[in-house]
Amino acid sequence: MEKLATFAGGCFWCMVKPFDEQPGIISVISGYTGGHKENPTYEEVCRETTGHYEAVQITYDPEIFSYEKLLSVYWQQIDPTDPGGQFYDRGQSYETAIFYHDEEQRVLAEQSKLELAQSGRFSKPIATKILPAKEFYAAEDYHQQFYKKNPVRYGRYSEGSGRTAFIKKAWGNDQ
């Protein structure tokens, strides 16, 4: 049975590749969620007038790729201690959040956040929010699978924003 997981981790371009093409992952869609405007555009979300986050919505088979594993991958893509955005992308639309679709996801998300906070990996508090899932709006086509469509630009963005260096330093791996 397929399930949904929704994560905001700053620029959605960088949140697709870590989940995409994993066993049990059916699709990863870039989009907008958490706000009040129906069918927002990228420009509207960037203007910070919609309340939406840039996010990815993942359709997955929990028998093959568990929600706990999704959470683990998610935490390793972000700076969970930054309350004002991610890397050089600033503002509410680039903040981190886990959007839970049911009570089990809420409990698992809260548990994983607590475990990360208690791990000693970060000296600052974990700022990532855990929120109920709201309507998800797919982003414009040119944002979908950006890392495949524009690999050079994607690589420059990931490096230039500081994301790649942060992940390597914090987790000892590449994204």
C-alpha atoms as a PDB file:
ATOM      1  CA  MET A   1       0.000   0.000   0.000  1.00  0.00           C
ATOM      2  CA  GLU A   2       1.437   3.359  -1.027  1.00  0.00           C
ATOM      3  CA  LYS A   3       1.848   6.164   1.501  1.00  0.00           C
ATOM      4  CA  LEU A   4       2.828   9.835   1.356  1.00  0.00           C
ATOM      5  CA  ALA A   5       5.625  11.669   3.153  1.00  0.00           C
ATOM      6  CA  THR A   6       6.129  15.421   2.887  1.00  0.00           C
ATOM      7  CA  PHE A   7       9.320  17.260   3.827  1.00  0.00           C
ATOM      8  CA  ALA A   8      10.429  20.884   3.576  1.00  0.00           C
ATOM      9  CA  GLY A   9      14.193  21.214   3.491  1.00  0.00           C
ATOM     10  CA  GLY A  10      14.986  24.523   1.879  1.00  0.00           C
ATOM     11  CA  CYS A  11      15.271  24.609  -1.881  1.00  0.00           C
ATOM     12  CA  PHE A  12      13.224  21.712  -3.208  1.00  0.00           C
ATOM     13  CA  TRP A  13      15.714  21.103  -6.023  1.00  0.00           C
ATOM     14  CA  CYS A  14      18.105  19.625  -3.473  1.00  0.00           C
ATOM     15  CA  MET A  15      15.491  17.522  -1.726  1.00  0.00           C
ATOM     16  CA  VAL A  16      14.568  15.298  -4.678  1.00  0.00           C
ATOM     17  CA  LYS A  17      17.823  13.520  -5.531  1.00  0.00           C
ATOM     18  CA  PRO A  18      18.457  11.901  -2.094  1.00  0.00           C
ATOM     19  CA  PHE A  19      15.075  10.149  -2.219  1.00  0.00           C
ATOM     20  CA  ASP A  20      14.658   9.632  -5.962  1.00  0.00           C
ATOM     21  CA  GLU A  21      15.282   6.216  -7.484  1.00  0.00           C
ATOM     22  CA  GLN A  22      15.608   4.461  -4.112  1.00  0.00           C
ATOM     23  CA  PRO A  23      13.950   1.048  -3.823  1.00  0.00           C
ATOM     24  CA  GLY A  24      10.357   1.536  -2.713  1.00  0.00           C
ATOM     25  CA  ILE A  25      10.201   5.200  -3.723  1.00  0.00           C
ATOM     26  CA  ILE A  26       7.470   5.578  -6.315  1.00  0.00           C
ATOM     27  CA  SER A  27       7.710   9.331  -6.944  1.00  0.00           C
ATOM     28  CA  VAL A  28       9.206  12.529  -5.563  1.00  0.00           C
ATOM     29  CA  ILE A  29       7.398  15.728  -6.505  1.00  0.00           C
ATOM     30  CA  SER A  30       8.629  19.271  -5.835  1.00  0.00           C
ATOM     31  CA  GLY A  31       5.941  21.656  -4.675  1.00  0.00           C
ATOM     32  CA  TYR A  32       4.441  23.953  -2.104  1.00  0.00           C
ATOM     33  CA  THR A  33       2.570  23.222   1.121  1.00  0.00           C
ATOM     34  CA  GLY A  34       1.680  24.613   4.504  1.00  0.00           C
ATOM     35  CA  GLY A  35       0.242  27.913   3.296  1.00  0.00           C
ATOM     36  CA  HIS A  36      -3.099  29.524   2.656  1.00  0.00           C
ATOM     37  CA  LYS A  37      -3.059  30.332  -1.088  1.00  0.00           C
ATOM     38  CA  GLU A  38      -4.544  27.803  -3.472  1.00  0.00           C
ATOM     39  CA  ASN A  39      -2.376  26.850  -6.459  1.00  0.00           C
ATOM     40  CA  PRO A  40       0.494  29.213  -5.673  1.00  0.00           C
ATOM     41  CA  THR A  41       3.167  29.996  -8.233  1.00  0.00           C
ATOM     42  CA  TYR A  42       6.885  29.875  -7.591  1.00  0.00           C
ATOM     43  CA  GLU A  43       7.057  33.672  -7.770  1.00  0.00           C
ATOM     44  CA  GLU A  44       4.267  34.040  -5.182  1.00  0.00           C
ATOM     45  CA  VAL A  45       5.918  31.591  -2.790  1.00  0.00           C
ATOM     46  CA  CYS A  46       9.267  33.385  -3.178  1.00  0.00           C
ATOM     47  CA  ARG A  47       7.574  36.689  -2.287  1.00  0.00           C
ATOM     48  CA  GLU A  48       6.630  35.135   1.081  1.00  0.00           C
ATOM     49  CA  THR A  49       2.945  36.074   0.724  1.00  0.00           C
ATOM     50  CA  THR A  50       1.407  32.580   0.577  1.00  0.00           C
ATOM     51  CA  GLY A  51       2.616  30.964   3.807  1.00  0.00           C
ATOM     52  CA  HIS A  52       3.869  27.987   1.791  1.00  0.00           C
ATOM     53  CA  TYR A  53       7.120  26.097   2.186  1.00  0.00           C
ATOM     54  CA  GLU A  54       9.088  24.689  -0.728  1.00  0.00           C
ATOM     55  CA  ALA A  55       8.726  20.967  -0.124  1.00  0.00           C
ATOM     56  CA  VAL A  56       8.835  17.520  -1.655  1.00  0.00           C
ATOM     57  CA  GLN A  57       6.046  14.991  -1.505  1.00  0.00           C
ATOM     58  CA  ILE A  58       7.200  11.406  -1.676  1.00  0.00           C
ATOM     59  CA  THR A  59       4.989   8.488  -2.609  1.00  0.00           C
ATOM     60  CA  TYR A  60       6.557   5.356  -1.172  1.00  0.00           C
ATOM     61  CA  ASP A  61       5.946   1.719  -0.357  1.00  0.00           C
ATOM     62  CA  PRO A  62       6.474   1.380   3.423  1.00  0.00           C
ATOM     63  CA  GLU A  63       7.098  -2.354   3.058  1.00  0.00           C
ATOM     64  CA  ILE A  64      10.248  -1.556   1.059  1.00  0.00           C
ATOM     65  CA  PHE A  65      11.320   1.902   2.327  1.00  0.00           C
ATOM     66  CA  SER A  66      10.095   2.683   5.842  1.00  0.00           C
ATOM     67  CA  TYR A  67       9.058   6.096   7.132  1.00  0.00           C
ATOM     68  CA  GLU A  68      11.884   5.864   9.675  1.00  0.00           C
ATOM     69  CA  LYS A  69      14.349   5.462   6.800  1.00  0.00           C
ATOM     70  CA  LEU A  70      12.777   8.461   5.019  1.00  0.00           C
ATOM     71  CA  LEU A  71      13.269  10.513   8.193  1.00  0.00           C
ATOM     72  CA  SER A  72      16.901   9.436   8.418  1.00  0.00           C
ATOM     73  CA  VAL A  73      17.558  10.485   4.824  1.00  0.00           C
ATOM     74  CA  TYR A  74      15.696  13.767   5.408  1.00  0.00           C
ATOM     75  CA  TRP A  75      17.721  14.808   8.476  1.00  0.00           C
ATOM     76  CA  GLN A  76      20.940  14.212   6.532  1.00  0.00           C
ATOM     77  CA  GLN A  77      19.960  16.734   3.817  1.00  0.00           C
ATOM     78  CA  ILE A  78      19.377  19.817   5.971  1.00  0.00           C
ATOM     79  CA  ASP A  79      20.787  22.026   8.698  1.00  0.00           C
ATOM     80  CA  PRO A  80      18.104  21.247  11.286  1.00  0.00           C
ATOM     81  CA  THR A  81      19.367  23.995  13.604  1.00  0.00           C
ATOM     82  CA  ASP A  82      18.676  26.902  11.244  1.00  0.00           C
ATOM     83  CA  PRO A  83      15.297  28.531  12.004  1.00  0.00           C
ATOM     84  CA  GLY A  84      15.535  31.132   9.214  1.00  0.00           C
ATOM     85  CA  GLY A  85      15.891  29.051   6.069  1.00  0.00           C
ATOM     86  CA  GLN A  86      18.536  26.790   4.588  1.00  0.00           C
ATOM     87  CA  PHE A  87      22.044  27.810   3.642  1.00  0.00           C
ATOM     88  CA  TYR A  88      21.869  30.931   1.498  1.00  0.00           C
ATOM     89  CA  ASP A  89      18.127  30.637   0.938  1.00  0.00           C
ATOM     90  CA  ARG A  90      16.470  32.714   3.643  1.00  0.00           C
ATOM     91  CA  GLY A  91      12.858  33.185   4.651  1.00  0.00           C
ATOM     92  CA  GLN A  92       9.852  31.172   5.747  1.00  0.00           C
ATOM     93  CA  SER A  93       9.444  29.373   2.419  1.00  0.00           C
ATOM     94  CA  TYR A  94      12.913  27.839   2.889  1.00  0.00           C
ATOM     95  CA  GLU A  95      12.498  26.758   6.513  1.00  0.00           C
ATOM     96  CA  THR A  96      12.564  23.081   7.417  1.00  0.00           C
ATOM     97  CA  ALA A  97       9.485  21.116   8.405  1.00  0.00           C
ATOM     98  CA  ILE A  98       8.201  17.580   8.488  1.00  0.00           C
ATOM     99  CA  PHE A  99       4.532  17.417   7.482  1.00  0.00           C
ATOM    100  CA  TYR A 100       2.913  14.323   8.967  1.00  0.00           C
ATOM    101  CA  HIS A 101       0.018  12.564   7.248  1.00  0.00           C
ATOM    102  CA  ASP A 102      -1.140  10.469  10.206  1.00  0.00           C
ATOM    103  CA  GLU A 103      -0.541   9.951  13.923  1.00  0.00           C
ATOM    104  CA  GLU A 104       2.092   7.280  13.356  1.00  0.00           C
ATOM    105  CA  GLN A 105       4.158   9.683  11.220  1.00  0.00           C
ATOM    106  CA  ARG A 106       3.776  12.417  13.850  1.00  0.00           C
ATOM    107  CA  VAL A 107       5.038  10.132  16.616  1.00  0.00           C
ATOM    108  CA  LEU A 108       7.942   8.847  14.510  1.00  0.00           C
ATOM    109  CA  ALA A 109       8.897  12.373  13.436  1.00  0.00           C
ATOM    110  CA  GLU A 110       8.834  13.667  17.025  1.00  0.00           C
ATOM    111  CA  GLN A 111      10.872  10.653  18.161  1.00  0.00           C
ATOM    112  CA  SER A 112      13.484  11.126  15.436  1.00  0.00           C
ATOM    113  CA  LYS A 113      13.748  14.841  16.237  1.00  0.00           C
ATOM    114  CA  LEU A 114      14.279  14.079  19.921  1.00  0.00           C
ATOM    115  CA  GLU A 115      16.894  11.436  19.123  1.00  0.00           C
ATOM    116  CA  LEU A 116      18.747  13.896  16.895  1.00  0.00           C
ATOM    117  CA  ALA A 117      18.607  16.583  19.593  1.00  0.00           C
ATOM    118  CA  GLN A 118      19.983  14.156  22.185  1.00  0.00           C
ATOM    119  CA  SER A 119      22.675  12.762  19.879  1.00  0.00           C
ATOM    120  CA  GLY A 120      25.088  15.637  20.498  1.00  0.00           C
ATOM    121  CA  ARG A 121      25.706  15.956  16.747  1.00  0.00           C
ATOM    122  CA  PHE A 122      24.629  19.612  16.808  1.00  0.00           C
ATOM    123  CA  SER A 123      25.386  22.195  19.487  1.00  0.00           C
ATOM    124  CA  LYS A 124      22.330  24.329  18.678  1.00  0.00           C
ATOM    125  CA  PRO A 125      18.699  23.290  19.210  1.00  0.00           C
ATOM    126  CA  ILE A 126      16.835  21.466  16.448  1.00  0.00           C
ATOM    127  CA  ALA A 127      14.608  24.091  14.794  1.00  0.00           C
ATOM    128  CA  THR A 128      12.782  21.859  12.301  1.00  0.00           C
ATOM    129  CA  LYS A 129       9.013  22.038  12.784  1.00  0.00           C
ATOM    130  CA  ILE A 130       6.689  19.052  12.795  1.00  0.00           C
ATOM    131  CA  LEU A 131       3.330  20.077  11.341  1.00  0.00           C
ATOM    132  CA  PRO A 132       0.144  18.420  10.098  1.00  0.00           C
ATOM    133  CA  ALA A 133       0.116  17.891   6.341  1.00  0.00           C
ATOM    134  CA  LYS A 134      -1.912  20.363   4.330  1.00  0.00           C
ATOM    135  CA  GLU A 135      -2.835  20.557   0.666  1.00  0.00           C
ATOM    136  CA  PHE A 136       0.242  20.001  -1.524  1.00  0.00           C
ATOM    137  CA  TYR A 137       0.568  21.828  -4.843  1.00  0.00           C
ATOM    138  CA  ALA A 138       3.024  20.515  -7.421  1.00  0.00           C
ATOM    139  CA  ALA A 139       5.550  23.102  -8.566  1.00  0.00           C
ATOM    140  CA  GLU A 140       5.888  24.125 -12.177  1.00  0.00           C
ATOM    141  CA  ASP A 141       7.272  21.485 -14.564  1.00  0.00           C
ATOM    142  CA  TYR A 142      10.682  23.129 -14.886  1.00  0.00           C
ATOM    143  CA  HIS A 143      11.258  22.514 -11.146  1.00  0.00           C
ATOM    144  CA  GLN A 144      10.489  18.778 -11.343  1.00  0.00           C
ATOM    145  CA  GLN A 145      13.528  16.478 -11.388  1.00  0.00           C
ATOM    146  CA  PHE A 146      15.744  19.558 -11.664  1.00  0.00           C
ATOM    147  CA  TYR A 147      18.895  17.626 -10.771  1.00  0.00           C
ATOM    148  CA  LYS A 148      18.384  15.476 -13.890  1.00  0.00           C
ATOM    149  CA  LYS A 149      17.240  18.201 -16.271  1.00  0.00           C
ATOM    150  CA  ASN A 150      19.970  20.696 -15.268  1.00  0.00           C
ATOM    151  CA  PRO A 151      22.797  18.692 -13.666  1.00  0.00           C
ATOM    152  CA  VAL A 152      25.458  21.392 -14.044  1.00  0.00           C
ATOM    153  CA  ARG A 153      23.275  24.158 -12.601  1.00  0.00           C
ATOM    154  CA  TYR A 154      22.072  21.823  -9.838  1.00  0.00           C
ATOM    155  CA  GLY A 155      25.655  20.961  -8.894  1.00  0.00           C
ATOM    156  CA  ARG A 156      26.710  24.623  -8.863  1.00  0.00           C
ATOM    157  CA  TYR A 157      23.706  25.521  -6.711  1.00  0.00           C
ATOM    158  CA  SER A 158      24.290  22.728  -4.202  1.00  0.00           C
ATOM    159  CA  GLU A 159      27.975  23.616  -3.896  1.00  0.00           C
ATOM    160  CA  GLY A 160      27.512  27.391  -3.970  1.00  0.00           C
ATOM    161  CA  SER A 161      24.713  27.442  -1.414  1.00  0.00           C
ATOM    162  CA  GLY A 162      26.894  25.648   1.150  1.00  0.00           C
ATOM    163  CA  ARG A 163      24.602  22.606   1.348  1.00  0.00           C
ATOM    164  CA  THR A 164      27.133  20.079   0.038  1.00  0.00           C
ATOM    165  CA  ALA A 165      29.887  21.235   2.407  1.00  0.00           C
ATOM    166  CA  PHE A 166      27.515  21.262   5.388  1.00  0.00           C
ATOM    167  CA  ILE A 167      26.276  17.725   4.723  1.00  0.00           C
ATOM    168  CA  LYS A 168      29.814  16.449   4.318  1.00  0.00           C
ATOM    169  CA  LYS A 169      30.911  18.108   7.574  1.00  0.00           C
ATOM    170  CA  ALA A 170      27.830  17.192   9.630  1.00  0.00           C
ATOM    171  CA  TRP A 171      27.248  13.682   8.330  1.00  0.00           C
ATOM    172  CA  GLY A 172      30.485  12.650   6.633  1.00  0.00           C
ATOM    173  CA  ASN A 173      28.788  11.924   3.323  1.00  0.00           C
ATOM    174  CA  ASP A 174      27.841  13.474   0.016  1.00  0.00           C
ATOM    175  CA  GLN A 175      24.258  14.134  -0.922  1.00  0.00           C
END
